[in-house]
Amino acid sequence: MPVAQNSPLALQVYRKLNRRLLPFLICLFIIAYLDRVNIGFAKLTMSVQLGFSDGVYGLGAGIFFIGYFLFEIPSNLILQRVGAKLWIARIMILWGLLSGAMVFVSTPMQFYLLRFLLGVGEAGFFPGIILYLTYWYPAPRRAKATATFMTSVALAGIIGGPLSGVIMTYLDGAAALAGWQWLFLIEALPAVMLGIVVALWLENGPAEAAWLSAEQRRWLLAQLYAEAERKEQLGHLTGFGKALGNAKVWLLSLVYFSIVMGLYGTSFWLPQIVSELGRQSLLHTGLLTAIPYVVAAIGMILIGHCSDRFNERAWHIALSALAGSVGLVLSAVYHDNLVWALAGLALAALGILSALPVFWSLPTAFLSGTAAAGGIALINACGNLAGYLSPVWVAWIKTETGSFTNALYMLAAWLIIAAVIVLVKFRATR
């Protein structure tokens, strides 16, 4: 198998996959992530203009994930049945329209409703892409491919921070719209347009890929078929019912929940944390928030490559999560020092975001077929409940204590929990 994976034919296939699929999928997820977390920038002026408290903001930011949780598993099971091309296009167009509708928010109830519906609209997108990558990349190349795809989270931070700062600074008041309204409108349009492109660009699997030669298609399909056979011989899970009753799936849900606590606890509040470090302007806040994501983007590629090279998952996940925890503690200890706090946030972003792509190699190592579609969606849905709880808890802690310090300690503790579970229960997983 190692020889086949590094043969000239294999390298040709992977080069084509990397050129055809990954840049496009990265672009899609950048738009998805921007539309999910741009509420963090909008809050800087939206809350003041609409009279929303930190509690209203925290609930609205988090309620997205309730809709996401409820519709995640059905969405991924439908994707497997109807094909990725049609279903991902539907998801993108719907969430783009709902994100743009945020322009009309004027009351807390409208805010809650649209954030909930946005979660419903986007449900199934991320786990659908993770499942889609298993259709193309055999296990020995999957962590690196997933890591490359998930640099989109970091790239969204790099692009989104400065872009949001520019939009909210220079378009505020244009055409009688506030800066935060322009932010939602401008960042929603690409989702609708790219949703249409998806239907023209993506194939449902290698068998439909006319851009691969017949020999390349045969080789890739043989690799994927051999992997599915090995999983079946080893008794790996193939039905959703079996995945639902499997303890490993629920443990991975807890691990993912713990990592996502750190991810969204910082993502939704990072603009305000940075803004309060020296009272930065909107433009400076946008530029400074890009720094942690630049560091994270580099780390994600290197750690994903290292994990594939050594065929090791648990230590790469655990050490990344622990690095994220240390970064959050550092940013809390030096909360009154811009340079050190930003360095801590950069280490936190590096650790949290590097743990995520390697993590997704764990469930795909023992799930196949419907179990993979439903199991991945279940893990992502349960884990993303942290996307609801983390901004709410951060808001509550900040309201009670007057600062973000204790909230950052809380998020750091969740990352330690993730590292411990992975090392205790999943060290043997390849």
Protein backbone atom coordinates (compact mmCIF):
# COMPACT_ATOMS: atom_id res chain seq x y z
CA MET A 1 0.00 0.00 0.00
CA PRO A 2 2.71 2.64 0.84
CA VAL A 3 4.38 1.97 -2.54
CA ALA A 4 1.07 2.36 -4.40
CA GLN A 5 0.35 5.62 -2.58
CA ASN A 6 3.69 7.09 -3.72
CA SER A 7 3.81 5.69 -7.25
CA PRO A 8 3.94 8.12 -10.20
CA LEU A 9 0.31 7.28 -11.03
CA ALA A 10 -0.82 7.96 -7.46
CA LEU A 11 1.02 11.29 -7.36
CA GLN A 12 -0.62 12.31 -10.65
CA VAL A 13 -4.05 11.49 -9.24
CA TYR A 14 -3.49 13.40 -5.99
CA ARG A 15 -2.15 16.43 -7.84
CA LYS A 16 -5.32 16.51 -9.92
CA LEU A 17 -7.55 16.06 -6.88
CA ASN A 18 -5.71 18.80 -5.01
CA ARG A 19 -6.01 21.23 -7.90
CA ARG A 20 -9.60 20.46 -8.84
CA LEU A 21 -11.28 19.98 -5.46
CA LEU A 22 -9.43 21.58 -2.58
CA PRO A 23 -9.21 25.24 -3.74
CA PHE A 24 -12.91 25.24 -4.60
CA LEU A 25 -13.98 23.54 -1.36
CA ILE A 26 -11.79 25.95 0.61
CA CYS A 27 -13.50 28.87 -1.09
CA LEU A 28 -16.93 27.45 -0.19
CA PHE A 29 -16.07 27.00 3.47
CA ILE A 30 -14.49 30.45 3.75
CA ILE A 31 -17.85 31.91 2.72
CA ALA A 32 -19.69 29.55 5.10
CA TYR A 33 -17.49 30.45 8.05
CA LEU A 34 -17.67 34.18 7.33
CA ASP A 35 -21.47 34.05 7.27
CA ARG A 36 -21.46 32.04 10.50
CA VAL A 37 -19.15 34.24 12.60
CA ASN A 38 -19.40 37.72 11.02
CA ILE A 39 -21.89 38.37 13.81
CA GLY A 40 -18.79 38.83 16.01
CA PHE A 41 -17.82 41.94 14.06
CA ALA A 42 -21.37 43.13 13.54
CA LYS A 43 -21.80 43.17 17.33
CA LEU A 44 -19.27 45.98 17.71
CA THR A 45 -21.86 48.48 16.43
CA MET A 46 -25.04 46.43 15.96
CA SER A 47 -25.56 45.85 19.70
CA VAL A 48 -25.24 49.55 20.48
CA GLN A 49 -27.53 50.69 17.66
CA LEU A 50 -30.22 48.07 18.41
CA GLY A 51 -29.79 48.09 22.19
CA PHE A 52 -28.76 44.41 22.43
CA SER A 53 -27.06 43.35 25.69
CA ASP A 54 -24.16 40.84 25.83
CA GLY A 55 -26.74 38.25 26.88
CA VAL A 56 -28.93 38.89 23.82
CA TYR A 57 -25.86 38.72 21.58
CA GLY A 58 -24.54 35.52 23.19
CA LEU A 59 -27.91 33.78 22.83
CA GLY A 60 -28.35 34.94 19.24
CA ALA A 61 -24.81 33.94 18.26
CA GLY A 62 -25.27 30.52 19.81
CA ILE A 63 -28.84 29.70 18.78
CA PHE A 64 -27.51 29.18 15.24
CA PHE A 65 -26.24 25.82 16.46
CA ILE A 66 -29.62 24.65 17.75
CA GLY A 67 -31.01 24.76 14.21
CA TYR A 68 -27.75 23.27 13.00
CA PHE A 69 -28.00 20.42 15.54
CA LEU A 70 -31.61 19.51 14.74
CA PHE A 71 -31.12 19.23 10.97
CA GLU A 72 -27.50 18.04 10.74
CA ILE A 73 -28.05 14.27 10.58
CA PRO A 74 -31.06 14.33 8.18
CA SER A 75 -29.12 16.68 5.90
CA ASN A 76 -26.08 14.41 5.67
CA LEU A 77 -28.17 11.29 5.09
CA ILE A 78 -30.01 13.09 2.27
CA LEU A 79 -26.66 14.19 0.78
CA GLN A 80 -25.52 10.58 0.62
CA ARG A 81 -28.75 9.62 -1.14
CA VAL A 82 -29.15 12.48 -3.67
CA GLY A 83 -25.49 13.33 -4.21
CA ALA A 84 -23.17 16.09 -3.04
CA LYS A 85 -23.58 18.33 -6.09
CA LEU A 86 -27.30 19.00 -5.69
CA TRP A 87 -27.40 19.07 -1.90
CA ILE A 88 -24.40 21.34 -1.29
CA ALA A 89 -25.74 23.77 -3.91
CA ARG A 90 -29.11 23.83 -2.08
CA ILE A 91 -27.43 24.43 1.28
CA MET A 92 -25.32 27.34 0.02
CA ILE A 93 -28.11 29.19 -1.78
CA LEU A 94 -30.48 28.91 1.20
CA TRP A 95 -27.96 30.03 3.81
CA GLY A 96 -26.85 32.94 1.60
CA LEU A 97 -30.41 34.23 1.39
CA LEU A 98 -30.92 33.83 5.15
CA SER A 99 -27.63 35.52 5.99
CA GLY A 100 -28.54 38.48 3.78
CA ALA A 101 -31.88 38.75 5.56
CA MET A 102 -29.98 39.75 8.73
CA VAL A 103 -30.01 43.25 7.23
CA PHE A 104 -33.63 43.58 8.37
CA VAL A 105 -33.09 42.64 12.04
CA SER A 106 -34.36 45.25 14.51
CA THR A 107 -35.53 43.25 17.56
CA PRO A 108 -34.02 40.46 19.68
CA MET A 109 -36.72 38.01 18.53
CA GLN A 110 -35.97 38.68 14.86
CA PHE A 111 -32.28 38.23 15.66
CA TYR A 112 -32.89 34.87 17.36
CA LEU A 113 -35.20 33.63 14.59
CA LEU A 114 -32.86 34.44 11.71
CA ARG A 115 -29.81 33.00 13.51
CA PHE A 116 -31.79 29.80 14.16
CA LEU A 117 -32.91 29.58 10.52
CA LEU A 118 -29.35 30.24 9.35
CA GLY A 119 -28.30 27.17 11.34
CA VAL A 120 -31.08 25.15 9.71
CA GLY A 121 -29.99 26.38 6.28
CA GLU A 122 -26.31 25.57 6.77
CA ALA A 123 -26.90 22.21 8.52
CA GLY A 124 -25.03 19.42 6.79
CA PHE A 125 -22.54 21.58 4.91
CA PHE A 126 -19.39 20.88 6.94
CA PRO A 127 -20.00 17.18 7.66
CA GLY A 128 -21.12 16.85 4.06
CA ILE A 129 -17.73 18.11 2.87
CA ILE A 130 -15.91 15.82 5.33
CA LEU A 131 -17.93 12.89 3.95
CA TYR A 132 -17.32 14.10 0.39
CA LEU A 133 -13.54 14.03 0.94
CA THR A 134 -13.79 10.34 1.89
CA TYR A 135 -15.23 9.72 -1.59
CA TRP A 136 -11.98 10.98 -3.15
CA TYR A 137 -9.07 10.60 -0.72
CA PRO A 138 -7.95 7.21 0.65
CA ALA A 139 -7.09 7.12 4.37
CA PRO A 140 -3.28 7.64 3.98
CA ARG A 141 -3.88 11.05 2.38
CA ARG A 142 -7.05 12.06 4.18
CA ALA A 143 -5.68 13.99 7.18
CA LYS A 144 -3.55 16.23 4.98
CA ALA A 145 -6.43 16.81 2.54
CA THR A 146 -8.78 17.60 5.44
CA ALA A 147 -6.19 19.90 7.02
CA THR A 148 -5.75 21.73 3.73
CA PHE A 149 -9.51 22.09 3.38
CA MET A 150 -9.87 23.29 6.96
CA THR A 151 -7.30 26.04 6.50
CA SER A 152 -10.41 27.75 5.18
CA VAL A 153 -11.33 28.47 8.82
CA ALA A 154 -8.02 30.29 9.30
CA LEU A 155 -8.24 31.95 5.89
CA ALA A 156 -11.74 33.17 6.73
CA GLY A 157 -10.25 34.83 9.81
CA ILE A 158 -7.41 36.34 7.78
CA ILE A 159 -9.78 37.67 5.12
CA GLY A 160 -12.83 38.30 7.26
CA GLY A 161 -11.24 40.48 9.93
CA PRO A 162 -9.77 43.16 7.65
CA LEU A 163 -12.72 42.92 5.23
CA SER A 164 -15.25 43.37 8.02
CA GLY A 165 -13.29 46.30 9.41
CA VAL A 166 -13.18 48.01 6.01
CA ILE A 167 -16.90 47.42 5.29
CA MET A 168 -18.04 48.68 8.69
CA THR A 169 -15.72 51.69 8.59
CA TYR A 170 -16.24 52.97 5.06
CA LEU A 171 -19.78 51.89 4.18
CA ASP A 172 -21.47 52.94 7.41
CA GLY A 173 -24.37 55.18 6.45
CA ALA A 174 -24.15 54.48 2.70
CA ALA A 175 -27.63 54.13 1.11
CA ALA A 176 -29.11 54.65 4.61
CA LEU A 177 -27.68 51.32 5.81
CA ALA A 178 -25.48 50.87 8.87
CA GLY A 179 -22.03 49.31 8.54
CA TRP A 180 -23.18 46.04 10.12
CA GLN A 181 -26.04 45.81 7.60
CA TRP A 182 -23.61 46.18 4.71
CA LEU A 183 -21.46 43.50 6.33
CA PHE A 184 -24.27 40.92 6.25
CA LEU A 185 -25.36 41.91 2.72
CA ILE A 186 -21.92 41.85 1.08
CA GLU A 187 -20.77 38.64 2.75
CA ALA A 188 -24.02 36.81 1.88
CA LEU A 189 -23.95 37.37 -1.89
CA PRO A 190 -21.01 35.00 -2.63
CA ALA A 191 -22.84 32.09 -0.98
CA VAL A 192 -25.75 32.38 -3.41
CA MET A 193 -23.50 32.79 -6.45
CA LEU A 194 -21.16 29.93 -5.50
CA GLY A 195 -24.16 27.72 -4.78
CA ILE A 196 -25.02 27.96 -8.46
CA VAL A 197 -21.40 27.25 -9.45
CA VAL A 198 -21.36 24.10 -7.25
CA ALA A 199 -23.99 22.48 -9.47
CA LEU A 200 -21.73 23.02 -12.50
CA TRP A 201 -18.32 22.24 -10.98
CA LEU A 202 -18.58 19.36 -8.51
CA GLU A 203 -19.00 15.68 -9.32
CA ASN A 204 -20.63 13.24 -6.92
CA GLY A 205 -17.58 10.95 -6.95
CA PRO A 206 -14.54 9.73 -8.94
CA ALA A 207 -16.66 7.64 -11.32
CA GLU A 208 -18.06 10.91 -12.75
CA ALA A 209 -14.70 12.72 -12.97
CA ALA A 210 -14.04 13.25 -16.69
CA TRP A 211 -10.92 15.26 -15.73
CA LEU A 212 -9.28 12.01 -14.53
CA SER A 213 -7.98 9.62 -17.19
CA ALA A 214 -9.52 6.14 -17.34
CA GLU A 215 -6.37 4.69 -15.76
CA GLN A 216 -6.41 7.28 -12.97
CA ARG A 217 -10.09 6.65 -12.24
CA ARG A 218 -9.53 2.89 -12.07
CA TRP A 219 -6.59 3.29 -9.68
CA LEU A 220 -8.43 5.68 -7.36
CA LEU A 221 -11.63 3.63 -7.28
CA ALA A 222 -9.56 0.51 -6.57
CA GLN A 223 -7.90 2.23 -3.60
CA LEU A 224 -11.23 3.37 -2.18
CA TYR A 225 -12.85 -0.02 -2.77
CA ALA A 226 -9.94 -1.82 -1.07
CA GLU A 227 -10.24 0.50 1.92
CA ALA A 228 -13.99 -0.20 2.21
CA GLU A 229 -13.30 -3.94 2.03
CA ARG A 230 -10.69 -3.74 4.80
CA LYS A 231 -13.13 -1.87 7.02
CA GLU A 232 -15.77 -4.55 6.39
CA GLN A 233 -13.31 -7.37 7.17
CA LEU A 234 -12.31 -5.63 10.41
CA GLY A 235 -15.96 -5.34 11.41
CA HIS A 236 -16.10 -1.56 11.05
CA LEU A 237 -19.49 0.09 11.25
CA THR A 238 -21.53 0.46 8.05
CA GLY A 239 -25.11 1.15 9.27
CA PHE A 240 -26.29 4.32 10.97
CA GLY A 241 -28.07 2.36 13.71
CA LYS A 242 -24.81 0.66 14.66
CA ALA A 243 -22.99 4.01 14.69
CA LEU A 244 -25.69 5.45 16.92
CA GLY A 245 -25.16 2.71 19.50
CA ASN A 246 -21.36 2.77 19.39
CA ALA A 247 -19.55 4.18 22.45
CA LYS A 248 -16.60 5.43 20.36
CA VAL A 249 -18.92 7.64 18.32
CA TRP A 250 -20.30 9.27 21.48
CA LEU A 251 -16.82 9.71 22.97
CA LEU A 252 -15.69 11.41 19.77
CA SER A 253 -18.76 13.65 20.03
CA LEU A 254 -17.54 14.72 23.49
CA VAL A 255 -14.01 15.31 22.19
CA TYR A 256 -15.33 17.42 19.33
CA PHE A 257 -17.64 19.29 21.71
CA SER A 258 -14.63 20.15 23.88
CA ILE A 259 -12.52 21.41 20.97
CA VAL A 260 -15.41 23.40 19.51
CA MET A 261 -15.92 25.06 22.91
CA GLY A 262 -12.51 26.61 22.39
CA LEU A 263 -13.08 27.36 18.72
CA TYR A 264 -16.34 29.30 18.94
CA GLY A 265 -15.72 30.68 22.41
CA THR A 266 -12.87 32.64 20.87
CA SER A 267 -14.20 33.10 17.29
CA PHE A 268 -17.42 34.86 18.30
CA TRP A 269 -15.72 37.06 20.90
CA LEU A 270 -12.25 37.61 19.37
CA PRO A 271 -13.16 40.96 17.76
CA GLN A 272 -14.41 42.33 21.08
CA ILE A 273 -11.46 40.89 23.03
CA VAL A 274 -9.02 42.55 20.62
CA SER A 275 -11.08 45.74 20.51
CA GLU A 276 -10.83 46.06 24.29
CA LEU A 277 -7.04 45.59 24.24
CA GLY A 278 -6.15 49.25 23.99
CA ARG A 279 -9.56 50.30 22.62
CA GLN A 280 -8.79 49.63 18.96
CA SER A 281 -10.68 51.18 16.05
CA LEU A 282 -12.85 48.95 13.85
CA LEU A 283 -10.18 48.91 11.14
CA HIS A 284 -7.33 48.11 13.53
CA THR A 285 -9.44 45.44 15.21
CA GLY A 286 -10.02 43.78 11.84
CA LEU A 287 -6.30 43.77 11.04
CA LEU A 288 -5.22 42.50 14.47
CA THR A 289 -7.74 39.66 14.54
CA ALA A 290 -6.20 38.33 11.32
CA ILE A 291 -2.86 37.63 13.06
CA PRO A 292 -3.93 34.52 15.05
CA TYR A 293 -5.44 33.02 11.90
CA VAL A 294 -2.27 33.55 9.85
CA VAL A 295 -0.33 31.56 12.46
CA ALA A 296 -3.05 28.88 12.54
CA ALA A 297 -3.14 28.43 8.76
CA ILE A 298 0.55 27.55 8.66
CA GLY A 299 0.29 25.20 11.63
CA MET A 300 -2.72 23.33 10.23
CA ILE A 301 -0.88 22.31 7.06
CA LEU A 302 2.30 21.29 8.88
CA ILE A 303 0.53 19.26 11.57
CA GLY A 304 -1.84 17.57 9.10
CA HIS A 305 1.15 16.58 6.93
CA CYS A 306 3.06 15.31 9.97
CA SER A 307 0.07 13.25 11.12
CA ASP A 308 -0.22 11.54 7.72
CA ARG A 309 3.54 11.01 7.43
CA PHE A 310 3.79 9.18 10.74
CA ASN A 311 0.28 7.66 10.52
CA GLU A 312 -0.43 8.93 14.04
CA ARG A 313 -3.54 10.78 15.18
CA ALA A 314 -4.03 10.85 18.96
CA TRP A 315 -0.84 12.65 19.99
CA HIS A 316 -1.21 15.19 17.17
CA ILE A 317 -4.74 16.00 18.34
CA ALA A 318 -3.90 16.02 22.05
CA LEU A 319 -0.77 18.16 21.81
CA SER A 320 -2.57 20.62 19.53
CA ALA A 321 -5.47 20.89 21.99
CA LEU A 322 -3.04 21.38 24.88
CA ALA A 323 -1.22 24.11 22.93
CA GLY A 324 -4.59 25.80 22.42
CA SER A 325 -5.26 25.58 26.15
CA VAL A 326 -1.90 27.13 27.00
CA GLY A 327 -2.57 29.92 24.50
CA LEU A 328 -5.93 30.75 26.09
CA VAL A 329 -4.37 30.79 29.57
CA LEU A 330 -1.56 33.03 28.32
CA SER A 331 -4.04 35.48 26.79
CA ALA A 332 -5.99 35.53 30.07
CA VAL A 333 -2.92 36.10 32.27
CA TYR A 334 -1.70 38.94 30.03
CA HIS A 335 -5.17 40.32 29.26
CA ASP A 336 -3.94 43.90 29.76
CA ASN A 337 -0.94 43.57 27.40
CA LEU A 338 -1.77 43.73 23.70
CA VAL A 339 1.37 41.95 22.44
CA TRP A 340 1.33 39.05 24.91
CA ALA A 341 -2.45 38.63 24.80
CA LEU A 342 -2.38 38.53 21.01
CA ALA A 343 0.49 36.01 21.11
CA GLY A 344 -1.61 33.84 23.41
CA LEU A 345 -4.61 34.09 21.09
CA ALA A 346 -2.36 33.15 18.14
CA LEU A 347 -1.14 30.04 19.99
CA ALA A 348 -4.75 29.21 20.90
CA ALA A 349 -5.86 29.51 17.28
CA LEU A 350 -2.90 27.41 16.14
CA GLY A 351 -3.69 24.63 18.61
CA ILE A 352 -7.47 24.56 18.25
CA LEU A 353 -7.56 24.75 14.46
CA SER A 354 -4.72 22.22 14.02
CA ALA A 355 -6.53 19.67 16.21
CA LEU A 356 -9.72 19.76 14.12
CA PRO A 357 -8.63 18.29 10.76
CA VAL A 358 -6.61 15.48 12.37
CA PHE A 359 -9.60 14.76 14.60
CA TRP A 360 -11.75 13.92 11.56
CA SER A 361 -9.36 11.09 10.69
CA LEU A 362 -10.59 9.23 13.79
CA PRO A 363 -14.27 8.62 12.88
CA THR A 364 -13.53 8.01 9.18
CA ALA A 365 -11.08 5.28 10.24
CA PHE A 366 -13.89 3.00 11.47
CA LEU A 367 -17.10 4.31 9.84
CA SER A 368 -18.26 3.43 6.31
CA GLY A 369 -21.32 3.98 4.12
CA THR A 370 -24.43 5.17 5.92
CA ALA A 371 -22.58 4.92 9.24
CA ALA A 372 -20.04 7.43 7.94
CA ALA A 373 -22.73 9.81 6.67
CA GLY A 374 -24.81 9.64 9.85
CA GLY A 375 -21.92 9.18 12.29
CA ILE A 376 -19.96 12.17 11.01
CA ALA A 377 -23.12 14.26 11.13
CA LEU A 378 -23.92 13.04 14.66
CA ILE A 379 -20.43 13.88 15.94
CA ASN A 380 -20.51 17.27 14.26
CA ALA A 381 -24.04 18.01 15.50
CA CYS A 382 -23.32 17.08 19.12
CA GLY A 383 -19.97 18.82 19.03
CA ASN A 384 -21.46 21.96 17.61
CA LEU A 385 -23.82 22.27 20.53
CA ALA A 386 -20.70 23.86 21.99
CA GLY A 387 -21.18 26.54 19.36
CA TYR A 388 -24.41 27.38 21.17
CA LEU A 389 -23.14 27.02 24.72
CA SER A 390 -19.71 28.65 24.44
CA PRO A 391 -20.80 32.18 23.40
CA VAL A 392 -23.64 32.03 25.96
CA TRP A 393 -21.30 30.97 28.77
CA VAL A 394 -18.66 33.49 27.74
CA ALA A 395 -21.32 36.23 27.78
CA TRP A 396 -22.55 35.14 31.23
CA ILE A 397 -19.03 35.00 32.71
CA LYS A 398 -18.13 38.39 31.24
CA THR A 399 -21.36 39.90 32.57
CA GLU A 400 -20.76 38.47 36.07
CA THR A 401 -17.04 39.32 36.31
CA GLY A 402 -16.69 42.31 34.00
CA SER A 403 -13.87 40.73 31.91
CA PHE A 404 -13.07 37.83 29.59
CA THR A 405 -10.33 36.38 31.84
CA ASN A 406 -12.32 33.65 33.61
CA ALA A 407 -14.13 32.77 30.39
CA LEU A 408 -10.77 32.06 28.72
CA TYR A 409 -9.80 29.79 31.64
CA MET A 410 -13.06 27.90 31.19
CA LEU A 411 -12.43 27.39 27.47
CA ALA A 412 -8.87 26.21 28.21
CA ALA A 413 -10.22 23.55 30.59
CA TRP A 414 -12.41 22.07 27.84
CA LEU A 415 -9.39 21.68 25.56
CA ILE A 416 -7.59 19.73 28.29
CA ILE A 417 -10.61 17.41 28.55
CA ALA A 418 -10.39 16.74 24.78
CA ALA A 419 -6.68 15.92 24.99
CA VAL A 420 -7.14 13.49 27.89
CA ILE A 421 -10.00 11.55 26.23
CA VAL A 422 -8.10 11.18 22.96
CA LEU A 423 -4.94 9.91 24.67
CA VAL A 424 -6.81 7.49 26.91
CA LYS A 425 -9.27 6.05 24.38
CA PHE A 426 -7.93 6.57 20.82
CA ARG A 427 -4.15 6.11 20.82
CA ALA A 428 -4.47 2.92 18.75
CA THR A 429 -6.60 4.54 16.00
CA ARG A 430 -4.81 5.10 12.68
